[in-house]
């Protein structure tokens, strides 16, 4: 599994087998993609440590941060068919 950071049009952190699966998850959960070539050009592959830091510092509903322990648990229990780990707060 690879970790993908997408910044436009909305931020998302996605774990997926490959770029095509990442695109499908983004389209299904985040928003439509008008230009797939631009989407692939702009996406960034990051390592598990970067994904861990992003998750740990992400904000949860009560205004606090997710934290190290919960971030670790999420990364240890990833869905086999990929998943969206973080999504732009303006979409919630």
Protein backbone atom coordinates (compact mmCIF):
# COMPACT_ATOMS: atom_id res chain seq x y z
CA UNK A 1 0.00 0.00 0.00
CA UNK A 2 1.10 3.54 -0.75
CA UNK A 3 0.14 6.84 0.81
CA UNK A 4 -1.00 9.69 -1.42
CA UNK A 5 -1.41 13.35 -0.52
CA UNK A 6 -3.78 15.34 -2.70
CA UNK A 7 -4.06 19.11 -2.22
CA UNK A 8 -6.41 20.26 -5.01
CA UNK A 9 -9.27 20.77 -5.39
CA UNK A 10 -9.66 19.47 -1.81
CA UNK A 11 -7.06 18.05 0.54
CA UNK A 12 -7.05 14.31 1.19
CA UNK A 13 -4.68 11.68 2.52
CA UNK A 14 -5.42 8.35 0.89
CA UNK A 15 -3.88 4.91 1.26
CA UNK A 16 -4.26 2.75 -1.86
CA UNK A 17 -2.60 0.00 -3.89
CA UNK A 18 -1.89 2.35 -6.79
CA UNK A 19 -2.75 5.71 -8.33
CA UNK A 20 -5.87 4.39 -10.08
CA UNK A 21 -7.33 3.09 -6.83
CA UNK A 22 -6.45 6.42 -5.20
CA UNK A 23 -8.35 8.28 -7.92
CA UNK A 24 -11.39 6.02 -7.47
CA UNK A 25 -11.43 6.60 -3.69
CA UNK A 26 -11.03 10.35 -4.18
CA UNK A 27 -13.90 10.47 -6.68
CA UNK A 28 -16.14 8.25 -4.52
CA UNK A 29 -15.55 10.03 -1.21
CA UNK A 30 -14.05 13.49 -1.72
CA UNK A 31 -15.26 15.01 -5.00
CA UNK A 32 -15.36 14.65 -8.77
CA UNK A 33 -12.14 15.06 -10.74
CA UNK A 34 -12.41 17.11 -13.93
CA UNK A 35 -8.88 16.52 -15.25
CA UNK A 36 -7.43 13.12 -14.35
CA UNK A 37 -4.03 13.90 -15.88
CA UNK A 38 -3.72 17.00 -13.71
CA UNK A 39 -4.87 14.99 -10.68
CA UNK A 40 -2.12 12.40 -11.23
CA UNK A 41 0.48 15.11 -11.90
CA UNK A 42 -0.39 16.97 -8.69
CA UNK A 43 -0.71 14.00 -6.32
CA UNK A 44 2.27 13.29 -4.09
CA UNK A 45 3.37 9.91 -2.78
CA UNK A 46 4.50 10.13 0.83
CA UNK A 47 6.03 7.57 3.17
CA UNK A 48 4.29 5.93 6.12
CA UNK A 49 6.11 8.17 8.61
CA UNK A 50 4.82 11.34 6.91
CA UNK A 51 1.30 9.88 6.86
CA UNK A 52 1.66 9.02 10.56
CA UNK A 53 2.67 12.60 11.43
CA UNK A 54 -0.23 14.04 9.43
CA UNK A 55 -2.72 11.70 11.11
CA UNK A 56 -1.39 12.35 14.62
CA UNK A 57 -1.69 16.12 14.15
CA UNK A 58 -5.11 16.01 12.48
CA UNK A 59 -8.04 17.60 14.27
CA UNK A 60 -10.96 15.56 15.55
CA UNK A 61 -14.56 16.60 16.20
CA UNK A 62 -13.98 17.90 19.74
CA UNK A 63 -11.25 20.25 18.50
CA UNK A 64 -8.29 18.27 19.81
CA UNK A 65 -5.73 16.29 17.86
CA UNK A 66 -6.07 12.61 16.95
CA UNK A 67 -2.81 11.81 18.74
CA UNK A 68 0.03 9.37 18.33
CA UNK A 69 -1.66 6.26 19.73
CA UNK A 70 -4.79 6.52 17.58
CA UNK A 71 -2.74 7.40 14.48
CA UNK A 72 -0.62 4.29 15.06
CA UNK A 73 -3.76 2.15 15.48
CA UNK A 74 -5.26 3.48 12.24
CA UNK A 75 -2.09 2.73 10.27
CA UNK A 76 -1.89 -0.77 11.73
CA UNK A 77 -5.49 -1.56 10.71
CA UNK A 78 -5.75 -0.28 7.15
CA UNK A 79 -8.46 -1.56 4.82
CA UNK A 80 -7.09 -3.92 2.17
CA UNK A 81 -8.98 -2.12 -0.58
CA UNK A 82 -7.64 1.31 0.44
CA UNK A 83 -9.23 4.15 2.33
CA UNK A 84 -9.38 7.89 2.77
CA UNK A 85 -7.53 8.69 6.00
CA UNK A 86 -7.96 12.47 6.05
CA UNK A 87 -10.26 14.82 4.20
CA UNK A 88 -10.47 18.59 3.84
CA UNK A 89 -12.28 20.04 6.85
CA UNK A 90 -14.45 22.23 4.65
CA UNK A 91 -16.16 19.08 3.30
CA UNK A 92 -17.27 17.84 6.70
